Amino acid sequence: MSVYLHVTIEVTSAGFESFLAAMPQAVELLERRAGWRLIGAYMQQTGRLYTVIDLWELQDMNHYDSGFKQLAAAEFFPAFKAVIDQTVRNETIVFAEKAPYMR
């Protein structure tokens, strides 16, 4: 049974391009090495601008922890974390499961 990770990331307007440039390397590692599956990544057009919503499919709740540990151990992580620390204002992480009416 899969669990879904819904991440809402509020980015500073000045750091938005840096954030977008840093994410592909993290996504590549999480998908290739950790086995996470990025279902969608969306940039809000209304509401709070410079907000990104990522939706990931994970095997279970433990998969989040193991994936994050692999990301943190990556050679590029210190530079990636520096970009995240400088650009992200707020991050909300929510775990969810499929509703019974989903196809």
PDB file of N, CA and C in Angstrom:
ATOM      1  N   MET A   1       0.848  -1.179   0.000  1.00  0.00           N
ATOM      2  CA  MET A   1       0.000   0.000   0.000  1.00  0.00           C
ATOM      3  C   MET A   1       0.892   1.241   0.000  1.00  0.00           C
ATOM      4  N   SER A   2       0.664   2.117  -0.923  1.00  0.00           N
ATOM      5  CA  SER A   2       1.456   3.345  -1.037  1.00  0.00           C
ATOM      6  C   SER A   2       0.979   4.394  -0.049  1.00  0.00           C
ATOM      7  N   VAL A   3       1.895   5.284   0.275  1.00  0.00           N
ATOM      8  CA  VAL A   3       1.563   6.482   1.024  1.00  0.00           C
ATOM      9  C   VAL A   3       2.005   7.656   0.150  1.00  0.00           C
ATOM     10  N   TYR A   4       1.279   8.739   0.232  1.00  0.00           N
ATOM     11  CA  TYR A   4       1.575   9.896  -0.596  1.00  0.00           C
ATOM     12  C   TYR A   4       2.101  11.026   0.269  1.00  0.00           C
ATOM     13  N   LEU A   5       3.125  11.665  -0.234  1.00  0.00           N
ATOM     14  CA  LEU A   5       3.777  12.778   0.449  1.00  0.00           C
ATOM     15  C   LEU A   5       3.432  14.052  -0.320  1.00  0.00           C
ATOM     16  N   HIS A   6       2.719  14.953   0.333  1.00  0.00           N
ATOM     17  CA  HIS A   6       2.311  16.229  -0.254  1.00  0.00           C
ATOM     18  C   HIS A   6       3.136  17.311   0.424  1.00  0.00           C
ATOM     19  N   VAL A   7       3.985  17.975  -0.345  1.00  0.00           N
ATOM     20  CA  VAL A   7       4.886  18.988   0.210  1.00  0.00           C
ATOM     21  C   VAL A   7       4.551  20.334  -0.417  1.00  0.00           C
ATOM     22  N   THR A   8       4.208  21.289   0.420  1.00  0.00           N
ATOM     23  CA  THR A   8       3.962  22.660  -0.027  1.00  0.00           C
ATOM     24  C   THR A   8       5.150  23.498   0.408  1.00  0.00           C
ATOM     25  N   ILE A   9       5.816  24.122  -0.562  1.00  0.00           N
ATOM     26  CA  ILE A   9       7.053  24.860  -0.303  1.00  0.00           C
ATOM     27  C   ILE A   9       6.851  26.311  -0.717  1.00  0.00           C
ATOM     28  N   GLU A  10       6.922  27.198   0.254  1.00  0.00           N
ATOM     29  CA  GLU A  10       6.835  28.635  -0.012  1.00  0.00           C
ATOM     30  C   GLU A  10       8.257  29.160  -0.172  1.00  0.00           C
ATOM     31  N   VAL A  11       8.540  29.698  -1.343  1.00  0.00           N
ATOM     32  CA  VAL A  11       9.883  30.152  -1.694  1.00  0.00           C
ATOM     33  C   VAL A  11       9.892  31.675  -1.759  1.00  0.00           C
ATOM     34  N   THR A  12      11.018  32.286  -1.461  1.00  0.00           N
ATOM     35  CA  THR A  12      11.132  33.731  -1.612  1.00  0.00           C
ATOM     36  C   THR A  12      11.117  34.084  -3.096  1.00  0.00           C
ATOM     37  N   SER A  13      10.601  35.240  -3.433  1.00  0.00           N
ATOM     38  CA  SER A  13      10.572  35.638  -4.844  1.00  0.00           C
ATOM     39  C   SER A  13      11.990  35.776  -5.395  1.00  0.00           C
ATOM     40  N   ALA A  14      12.904  36.311  -4.595  1.00  0.00           N
ATOM     41  CA  ALA A  14      14.285  36.496  -5.043  1.00  0.00           C
ATOM     42  C   ALA A  14      15.013  35.166  -5.241  1.00  0.00           C
ATOM     43  N   GLY A  15      14.596  34.146  -4.517  1.00  0.00           N
ATOM     44  CA  GLY A  15      15.284  32.859  -4.593  1.00  0.00           C
ATOM     45  C   GLY A  15      14.602  31.810  -5.441  1.00  0.00           C
ATOM     46  N   PHE A  16      13.496  32.180  -6.092  1.00  0.00           N
ATOM     47  CA  PHE A  16      12.696  31.189  -6.804  1.00  0.00           C
ATOM     48  C   PHE A  16      13.485  30.472  -7.901  1.00  0.00           C
ATOM     49  N   GLU A  17      14.218  31.200  -8.717  1.00  0.00           N
ATOM     50  CA  GLU A  17      14.984  30.584  -9.811  1.00  0.00           C
ATOM     51  C   GLU A  17      16.080  29.670  -9.265  1.00  0.00           C
ATOM     52  N   SER A  18      16.742  30.086  -8.187  1.00  0.00           N
ATOM     53  CA  SER A  18      17.775  29.241  -7.565  1.00  0.00           C
ATOM     54  C   SER A  18      17.163  27.952  -7.030  1.00  0.00           C
ATOM     55  N   PHE A  19      16.003  28.066  -6.407  1.00  0.00           N
ATOM     56  CA  PHE A  19      15.301  26.892  -5.895  1.00  0.00           C
ATOM     57  C   PHE A  19      14.976  25.932  -7.040  1.00  0.00           C
ATOM     58  N   LEU A  20      14.377  26.457  -8.116  1.00  0.00           N
ATOM     59  CA  LEU A  20      14.000  25.610  -9.255  1.00  0.00           C
ATOM     60  C   LEU A  20      15.225  24.943  -9.878  1.00  0.00           C
ATOM     61  N   ALA A  21      16.349  25.643  -9.910  1.00  0.00           N
ATOM     62  CA  ALA A  21      17.579  25.086 -10.487  1.00  0.00           C
ATOM     63  C   ALA A  21      18.176  23.987  -9.608  1.00  0.00           C
ATOM     64  N   ALA A  22      17.961  24.059  -8.296  1.00  0.00           N
ATOM     65  CA  ALA A  22      18.536  23.080  -7.374  1.00  0.00           C
ATOM     66  C   ALA A  22      17.733  21.785  -7.292  1.00  0.00           C
ATOM     67  N   MET A  23      16.450  21.848  -7.563  1.00  0.00           N
ATOM     68  CA  MET A  23      15.579  20.695  -7.332  1.00  0.00           C
ATOM     69  C   MET A  23      15.828  19.487  -8.245  1.00  0.00           C
ATOM     70  N   PRO A  24      16.164  19.637  -9.519  1.00  0.00           N
ATOM     71  CA  PRO A  24      16.314  18.444 -10.362  1.00  0.00           C
ATOM     72  C   PRO A  24      17.328  17.420  -9.842  1.00  0.00           C
ATOM     73  N   GLN A  25      18.410  17.875  -9.262  1.00  0.00           N
ATOM     74  CA  GLN A  25      19.418  16.952  -8.736  1.00  0.00           C
ATOM     75  C   GLN A  25      18.854  16.161  -7.553  1.00  0.00           C
ATOM     76  N   ALA A  26      18.101  16.813  -6.684  1.00  0.00           N
ATOM     77  CA  ALA A  26      17.479  16.120  -5.555  1.00  0.00           C
ATOM     78  C   ALA A  26      16.422  15.135  -6.048  1.00  0.00           C
ATOM     79  N   VAL A  27      15.612  15.546  -7.008  1.00  0.00           N
ATOM     80  CA  VAL A  27      14.577  14.665  -7.558  1.00  0.00           C
ATOM     81  C   VAL A  27      15.226  13.431  -8.182  1.00  0.00           C
ATOM     82  N   GLU A  28      16.278  13.633  -8.939  1.00  0.00           N
ATOM     83  CA  GLU A  28      16.984  12.517  -9.580  1.00  0.00           C
ATOM     84  C   GLU A  28      17.462  11.501  -8.541  1.00  0.00           C
ATOM     85  N   LEU A  29      18.076  11.974  -7.481  1.00  0.00           N
ATOM     86  CA  LEU A  29      18.566  11.076  -6.437  1.00  0.00           C
ATOM     87  C   LEU A  29      17.409  10.354  -5.757  1.00  0.00           C
ATOM     88  N   LEU A  30      16.371  11.093  -5.392  1.00  0.00           N
ATOM     89  CA  LEU A  30      15.244  10.477  -4.682  1.00  0.00           C
ATOM     90  C   LEU A  30      14.530   9.437  -5.537  1.00  0.00           C
ATOM     91  N   GLU A  31      14.451   9.685  -6.832  1.00  0.00           N
ATOM     92  CA  GLU A  31      13.796   8.703  -7.699  1.00  0.00           C
ATOM     93  C   GLU A  31      14.726   7.529  -8.007  1.00  0.00           C
ATOM     94  N   ARG A  32      15.954   7.808  -8.373  1.00  0.00           N
ATOM     95  CA  ARG A  32      16.874   6.760  -8.816  1.00  0.00           C
ATOM     96  C   ARG A  32      17.393   5.908  -7.663  1.00  0.00           C
ATOM     97  N   ARG A  33      17.873   6.550  -6.616  1.00  0.00           N
ATOM     98  CA  ARG A  33      18.484   5.808  -5.508  1.00  0.00           C
ATOM     99  C   ARG A  33      17.498   5.411  -4.422  1.00  0.00           C
ATOM    100  N   ALA A  34      16.602   6.310  -4.072  1.00  0.00           N
ATOM    101  CA  ALA A  34      15.703   6.055  -2.943  1.00  0.00           C
ATOM    102  C   ALA A  34      14.410   5.362  -3.359  1.00  0.00           C
ATOM    103  N   GLY A  35      14.063   5.421  -4.638  1.00  0.00           N
ATOM    104  CA  GLY A  35      12.855   4.753  -5.101  1.00  0.00           C
ATOM    105  C   GLY A  35      11.562   5.528  -4.903  1.00  0.00           C
ATOM    106  N   TRP A  36      11.685   6.815  -4.562  1.00  0.00           N
ATOM    107  CA  TRP A  36      10.485   7.640  -4.487  1.00  0.00           C
ATOM    108  C   TRP A  36       9.993   7.876  -5.918  1.00  0.00           C
ATOM    109  N   ARG A  37       8.713   8.193  -6.069  1.00  0.00           N
ATOM    110  CA  ARG A  37       8.177   8.511  -7.403  1.00  0.00           C
ATOM    111  C   ARG A  37       7.490   9.864  -7.340  1.00  0.00           C
ATOM    112  N   LEU A  38       8.023  10.820  -8.106  1.00  0.00           N
ATOM    113  CA  LEU A  38       7.426  12.153  -8.175  1.00  0.00           C
ATOM    114  C   LEU A  38       6.223  12.083  -9.108  1.00  0.00           C
ATOM    115  N   ILE A  39       5.038  12.236  -8.545  1.00  0.00           N
ATOM    116  CA  ILE A  39       3.803  12.183  -9.320  1.00  0.00           C
ATOM    117  C   ILE A  39       3.541  13.527  -9.984  1.00  0.00           C
ATOM    118  N   GLY A  40       3.887  14.593  -9.288  1.00  0.00           N
ATOM    119  CA  GLY A  40       3.675  15.923  -9.852  1.00  0.00           C
ATOM    120  C   GLY A  40       4.418  16.981  -9.065  1.00  0.00           C
ATOM    121  N   ALA A  41       4.788  18.033  -9.775  1.00  0.00           N
ATOM    122  CA  ALA A  41       5.408  19.212  -9.160  1.00  0.00           C
ATOM    123  C   ALA A  41       4.743  20.417  -9.816  1.00  0.00           C
ATOM    124  N   TYR A  42       4.142  21.256  -8.997  1.00  0.00           N
ATOM    125  CA  TYR A  42       3.303  22.334  -9.509  1.00  0.00           C
ATOM    126  C   TYR A  42       3.708  23.671  -8.910  1.00  0.00           C
ATOM    127  N   MET A  43       3.674  24.710  -9.733  1.00  0.00           N
ATOM    128  CA  MET A  43       3.916  26.074  -9.273  1.00  0.00           C
ATOM    129  C   MET A  43       2.579  26.797  -9.260  1.00  0.00           C
ATOM    130  N   GLN A  44       2.225  27.377  -8.131  1.00  0.00           N
ATOM    131  CA  GLN A  44       0.934  28.044  -8.019  1.00  0.00           C
ATOM    132  C   GLN A  44       0.855  29.257  -8.942  1.00  0.00           C
ATOM    133  N   GLN A  45      -0.296  29.401  -9.588  1.00  0.00           N
ATOM    134  CA  GLN A  45      -0.584  30.535 -10.459  1.00  0.00           C
ATOM    135  C   GLN A  45      -1.431  31.579  -9.749  1.00  0.00           C
ATOM    136  N   THR A  46      -2.153  31.164  -8.714  1.00  0.00           N
ATOM    137  CA  THR A  46      -2.962  32.060  -7.900  1.00  0.00           C
ATOM    138  C   THR A  46      -2.653  31.771  -6.439  1.00  0.00           C
ATOM    139  N   GLY A  47      -3.199  32.573  -5.557  1.00  0.00           N
ATOM    140  CA  GLY A  47      -2.879  32.390  -4.143  1.00  0.00           C
ATOM    141  C   GLY A  47      -1.502  32.961  -3.862  1.00  0.00           C
ATOM    142  N   ARG A  48      -0.768  32.322  -2.966  1.00  0.00           N
ATOM    143  CA  ARG A  48       0.572  32.794  -2.660  1.00  0.00           C
ATOM    144  C   ARG A  48       1.512  32.396  -3.789  1.00  0.00           C
ATOM    145  N   LEU A  49       1.995  33.398  -4.519  1.00  0.00           N
ATOM    146  CA  LEU A  49       2.924  33.135  -5.611  1.00  0.00           C
ATOM    147  C   LEU A  49       4.239  32.624  -5.043  1.00  0.00           C
ATOM    148  N   TYR A  50       5.045  32.027  -5.905  1.00  0.00           N
ATOM    149  CA  TYR A  50       6.333  31.432  -5.516  1.00  0.00           C
ATOM    150  C   TYR A  50       6.132  30.292  -4.513  1.00  0.00           C
ATOM    151  N   THR A  51       5.037  29.562  -4.709  1.00  0.00           N
ATOM    152  CA  THR A  51       4.759  28.371  -3.917  1.00  0.00           C
ATOM    153  C   THR A  51       4.770  27.174  -4.857  1.00  0.00           C
ATOM    154  N   VAL A  52       5.453  26.129  -4.430  1.00  0.00           N
ATOM    155  CA  VAL A  52       5.558  24.894  -5.200  1.00  0.00           C
ATOM    156  C   VAL A  52       4.901  23.781  -4.401  1.00  0.00           C
ATOM    157  N   ILE A  53       4.180  22.916  -5.096  1.00  0.00           N
ATOM    158  CA  ILE A  53       3.563  21.750  -4.470  1.00  0.00           C
ATOM    159  C   ILE A  53       4.130  20.514  -5.149  1.00  0.00           C
ATOM    160  N   ASP A  54       4.781  19.666  -4.362  1.00  0.00           N
ATOM    161  CA  ASP A  54       5.309  18.396  -4.867  1.00  0.00           C
ATOM    162  C   ASP A  54       4.460  17.274  -4.307  1.00  0.00           C
ATOM    163  N   LEU A  55       4.143  16.296  -5.145  1.00  0.00           N
ATOM    164  CA  LEU A  55       3.390  15.120  -4.731  1.00  0.00           C
ATOM    165  C   LEU A  55       4.212  13.888  -5.080  1.00  0.00           C
ATOM    166  N   TRP A  56       4.584  13.148  -4.044  1.00  0.00           N
ATOM    167  CA  TRP A  56       5.421  11.962  -4.183  1.00  0.00           C
ATOM    168  C   TRP A  56       4.646  10.712  -3.771  1.00  0.00           C
ATOM    169  N   GLU A  57       4.955   9.601  -4.428  1.00  0.00           N
ATOM    170  CA  GLU A  57       4.435   8.309  -3.999  1.00  0.00           C
ATOM    171  C   GLU A  57       5.576   7.544  -3.335  1.00  0.00           C
ATOM    172  N   LEU A  58       5.317   7.088  -2.114  1.00  0.00           N
ATOM    173  CA  LEU A  58       6.302   6.323  -1.349  1.00  0.00           C
ATOM    174  C   LEU A  58       5.717   4.946  -1.026  1.00  0.00           C
ATOM    175  N   GLN A  59       6.594   4.003  -0.675  1.00  0.00           N
ATOM    176  CA  GLN A  59       6.129   2.659  -0.330  1.00  0.00           C
ATOM    177  C   GLN A  59       5.356   2.662   0.984  1.00  0.00           C
ATOM    178  N   ASP A  60       5.899   3.390   1.968  1.00  0.00           N
ATOM    179  CA  ASP A  60       5.284   3.460   3.290  1.00  0.00           C
ATOM    180  C   ASP A  60       5.920   4.628   4.041  1.00  0.00           C
ATOM    181  N   MET A  61       5.556   4.811   5.291  1.00  0.00           N
ATOM    182  CA  MET A  61       6.080   5.936   6.066  1.00  0.00           C
ATOM    183  C   MET A  61       7.591   5.837   6.279  1.00  0.00           C
ATOM    184  N   ASN A  62       8.116   4.631   6.409  1.00  0.00           N
ATOM    185  CA  ASN A  62       9.557   4.450   6.593  1.00  0.00           C
ATOM    186  C   ASN A  62      10.352   4.843   5.357  1.00  0.00           C
ATOM    187  N   HIS A  63       9.730   4.767   4.214  1.00  0.00           N
ATOM    188  CA  HIS A  63      10.381   5.118   2.955  1.00  0.00           C
ATOM    189  C   HIS A  63      10.791   6.598   2.945  1.00  0.00           C
ATOM    190  N   TYR A  64      10.017   7.439   3.610  1.00  0.00           N
ATOM    191  CA  TYR A  64      10.367   8.866   3.729  1.00  0.00           C
ATOM    192  C   TYR A  64      11.702   9.013   4.454  1.00  0.00           C
ATOM    193  N   ASP A  65      11.826   8.351   5.583  1.00  0.00           N
ATOM    194  CA  ASP A  65      13.041   8.450   6.384  1.00  0.00           C
ATOM    195  C   ASP A  65      14.256   7.920   5.630  1.00  0.00           C
ATOM    196  N   SER A  66      14.125   6.764   5.004  1.00  0.00           N
ATOM    197  CA  SER A  66      15.265   6.188   4.283  1.00  0.00           C
ATOM    198  C   SER A  66      15.657   7.055   3.086  1.00  0.00           C
ATOM    199  N   GLY A  67      14.677   7.616   2.395  1.00  0.00           N
ATOM    200  CA  GLY A  67      14.981   8.496   1.261  1.00  0.00           C
ATOM    201  C   GLY A  67      15.667   9.771   1.695  1.00  0.00           C
ATOM    202  N   PHE A  68      15.182  10.354   2.774  1.00  0.00           N
ATOM    203  CA  PHE A  68      15.801  11.591   3.256  1.00  0.00           C
ATOM    204  C   PHE A  68      17.228  11.336   3.723  1.00  0.00           C
ATOM    205  N   LYS A  69      17.485  10.178   4.331  1.00  0.00           N
ATOM    206  CA  LYS A  69      18.854   9.843   4.756  1.00  0.00           C
ATOM    207  C   LYS A  69      19.780   9.716   3.552  1.00  0.00           C
ATOM    208  N   GLN A  70      19.287   9.136   2.475  1.00  0.00           N
ATOM    209  CA  GLN A  70      20.108   9.023   1.258  1.00  0.00           C
ATOM    210  C   GLN A  70      20.390  10.397   0.672  1.00  0.00           C
ATOM    211  N   LEU A  71      19.392  11.260   0.675  1.00  0.00           N
ATOM    212  CA  LEU A  71      19.597  12.623   0.180  1.00  0.00           C
ATOM    213  C   LEU A  71      20.630  13.351   1.028  1.00  0.00           C
ATOM    214  N   ALA A  72      20.504  13.243   2.350  1.00  0.00           N
ATOM    215  CA  ALA A  72      21.422  13.939   3.255  1.00  0.00           C
ATOM    216  C   ALA A  72      22.858  13.421   3.132  1.00  0.00           C
ATOM    217  N   ALA A  73      23.027  12.182   2.699  1.00  0.00           N
ATOM    218  CA  ALA A  73      24.356  11.599   2.555  1.00  0.00           C
ATOM    219  C   ALA A  73      24.995  11.891   1.194  1.00  0.00           C
ATOM    220  N   ALA A  74      24.229  12.466   0.278  1.00  0.00           N
ATOM    221  CA  ALA A  74      24.745  12.738  -1.066  1.00  0.00           C
ATOM    222  C   ALA A  74      25.828  13.808  -1.039  1.00  0.00           C
ATOM    223  N   GLU A  75      26.772  13.672  -1.943  1.00  0.00           N
ATOM    224  CA  GLU A  75      27.890  14.614  -2.027  1.00  0.00           C
ATOM    225  C   GLU A  75      27.428  16.052  -2.268  1.00  0.00           C
ATOM    226  N   PHE A  76      26.385  16.224  -3.029  1.00  0.00           N
ATOM    227  CA  PHE A  76      25.898  17.563  -3.362  1.00  0.00           C
ATOM    228  C   PHE A  76      25.015  18.169  -2.272  1.00  0.00           C
ATOM    229  N   PHE A  77      24.669  17.384  -1.240  1.00  0.00           N
ATOM    230  CA  PHE A  77      23.706  17.851  -0.254  1.00  0.00           C
ATOM    231  C   PHE A  77      24.083  19.161   0.443  1.00  0.00           C
ATOM    232  N   PRO A  78      25.323  19.382   0.868  1.00  0.00           N
ATOM    233  CA  PRO A  78      25.624  20.664   1.533  1.00  0.00           C
ATOM    234  C   PRO A  78      25.282  21.883   0.666  1.00  0.00           C
ATOM    235  N   ALA A  79      25.590  21.810  -0.624  1.00  0.00           N
ATOM    236  CA  ALA A  79      25.267  22.933  -1.525  1.00  0.00           C
ATOM    237  C   ALA A  79      23.752  23.035  -1.719  1.00  0.00           C
ATOM    238  N   PHE A  80      23.086  21.897  -1.849  1.00  0.00           N
ATOM    239  CA  PHE A  80      21.633  21.882  -2.006  1.00  0.00           C
ATOM    240  C   PHE A  80      20.963  22.470  -0.765  1.00  0.00           C
ATOM    241  N   LYS A  81      21.402  22.043   0.408  1.00  0.00           N
ATOM    242  CA  LYS A  81      20.827  22.540   1.662  1.00  0.00           C
ATOM    243  C   LYS A  81      21.036  24.039   1.799  1.00  0.00           C
ATOM    244  N   ALA A  82      22.189  24.539   1.358  1.00  0.00           N
ATOM    245  CA  ALA A  82      22.445  25.986   1.424  1.00  0.00           C
ATOM    246  C   ALA A  82      21.438  26.750   0.576  1.00  0.00           C
ATOM    247  N   VAL A  83      21.126  26.233  -0.606  1.00  0.00           N
ATOM    248  CA  VAL A  83      20.120  26.884  -1.467  1.00  0.00           C
ATOM    249  C   VAL A  83      18.751  26.835  -0.793  1.00  0.00           C
ATOM    250  N   ILE A  84      18.386  25.683  -0.251  1.00  0.00           N
ATOM    251  CA  ILE A  84      17.090  25.535   0.410  1.00  0.00           C
ATOM    252  C   ILE A  84      16.991  26.479   1.605  1.00  0.00           C
ATOM    253  N   ASP A  85      18.047  26.529   2.407  1.00  0.00           N
ATOM    254  CA  ASP A  85      18.054  27.406   3.587  1.00  0.00           C
ATOM    255  C   ASP A  85      17.902  28.878   3.203  1.00  0.00           C
ATOM    256  N   GLN A  86      18.445  29.272   2.059  1.00  0.00           N
ATOM    257  CA  GLN A  86      18.407  30.668   1.619  1.00  0.00           C
ATOM    258  C   GLN A  86      17.113  31.032   0.902  1.00  0.00           C
ATOM    259  N   THR A  87      16.415  30.053   0.361  1.00  0.00           N
ATOM    260  CA  THR A  87      15.278  30.369  -0.507  1.00  0.00           C
ATOM    261  C   THR A  87      13.906  29.970   0.045  1.00  0.00           C
ATOM    262  N   VAL A  88      13.841  28.970   0.905  1.00  0.00           N
ATOM    263  CA  VAL A  88      12.549  28.469   1.383  1.00  0.00           C
ATOM    264  C   VAL A  88      12.118  29.220   2.636  1.00  0.00           C
ATOM    265  N   ARG A  89      10.925  29.806   2.563  1.00  0.00           N
ATOM    266  CA  ARG A  89      10.351  30.520   3.710  1.00  0.00           C
ATOM    267  C   ARG A  89       9.609  29.579   4.643  1.00  0.00           C
ATOM    268  N   ASN A  90       8.924  28.595   4.046  1.00  0.00           N
ATOM    269  CA  ASN A  90       8.104  27.673   4.833  1.00  0.00           C
ATOM    270  C   ASN A  90       7.901  26.400   4.024  1.00  0.00           C
ATOM    271  N   GLU A  91       7.850  25.280   4.731  1.00  0.00           N
ATOM    272  CA  GLU A  91       7.596  23.998   4.085  1.00  0.00           C
ATOM    273  C   GLU A  91       6.603  23.231   4.949  1.00  0.00           C
ATOM    274  N   THR A  92       5.547  22.730   4.315  1.00  0.00           N
ATOM    275  CA  THR A  92       4.547  21.938   5.008  1.00  0.00           C
ATOM    276  C   THR A  92       4.529  20.551   4.400  1.00  0.00           C
ATOM    277  N   ILE A  93       4.724  19.539   5.244  1.00  0.00           N
ATOM    278  CA  ILE A  93       4.779  18.155   4.792  1.00  0.00           C
ATOM    279  C   ILE A  93       3.549  17.429   5.332  1.00  0.00           C
ATOM    280  N   VAL A  94       2.812  16.779   4.414  1.00  0.00           N
ATOM    281  CA  VAL A  94       1.601  16.053   4.778  1.00  0.00           C
ATOM    282  C   VAL A  94       1.674  14.661   4.163  1.00  0.00           C
ATOM    283  N   PHE A  95       1.364  13.644   4.943  1.00  0.00           N
ATOM    284  CA  PHE A  95       1.261  12.282   4.434  1.00  0.00           C
ATOM    285  C   PHE A  95      -0.211  11.964   4.238  1.00  0.00           C
ATOM    286  N   ALA A  96      -0.517  11.262   3.148  1.00  0.00           N
ATOM    287  CA  ALA A  96      -1.912  10.966   2.822  1.00  0.00           C
ATOM    288  C   ALA A  96      -2.008   9.580   2.189  1.00  0.00           C
ATOM    289  N   GLU A  97      -3.227   9.078   2.130  1.00  0.00           N
ATOM    290  CA  GLU A  97      -3.515   7.849   1.417  1.00  0.00           C
ATOM    291  C   GLU A  97      -4.626   8.111   0.429  1.00  0.00           C
ATOM    292  N   LYS A  98      -4.790   7.212  -0.526  1.00  0.00           N
ATOM    293  CA  LYS A  98      -5.835   7.382  -1.533  1.00  0.00           C
ATOM    294  C   LYS A  98      -7.202   7.345  -0.873  1.00  0.00           C
ATOM    295  N   ALA A  99      -8.064   8.225  -1.326  1.00  0.00           N
ATOM    296  CA  ALA A  99      -9.461   8.203  -0.897  1.00  0.00           C
ATOM    297  C   ALA A  99     -10.162   7.030  -1.606  1.00  0.00           C
ATOM    298  N   PRO A 100     -11.192   6.480  -1.006  1.00  0.00           N
ATOM    299  CA  PRO A 100     -11.844   5.308  -1.601  1.00  0.00           C
ATOM    300  C   PRO A 100     -12.450   5.570  -2.984  1.00  0.00           C
ATOM    301  N   TYR A 101     -12.732   6.813  -3.306  1.00  0.00           N
ATOM    302  CA  TYR A 101     -13.344   7.098  -4.608  1.00  0.00           C
ATOM    303  C   TYR A 101     -12.327   7.372  -5.709  1.00  0.00           C
ATOM    304  N   MET A 102     -11.029   7.344  -5.387  1.00  0.00           N
ATOM    305  CA  MET A 102     -10.003   7.581  -6.407  1.00  0.00           C
ATOM    306  C   MET A 102      -9.866   6.372  -7.306  1.00  0.00           C
ATOM    307  N   ARG A 103      -9.673   6.632  -8.563  1.00  0.00           N
ATOM    308  CA  ARG A 103      -9.504   5.553  -9.547  1.00  0.00           C
ATOM    309  C   ARG A 103      -8.071   5.138  -9.636  1.00  0.00           C
TER     310      ARG A 103
END
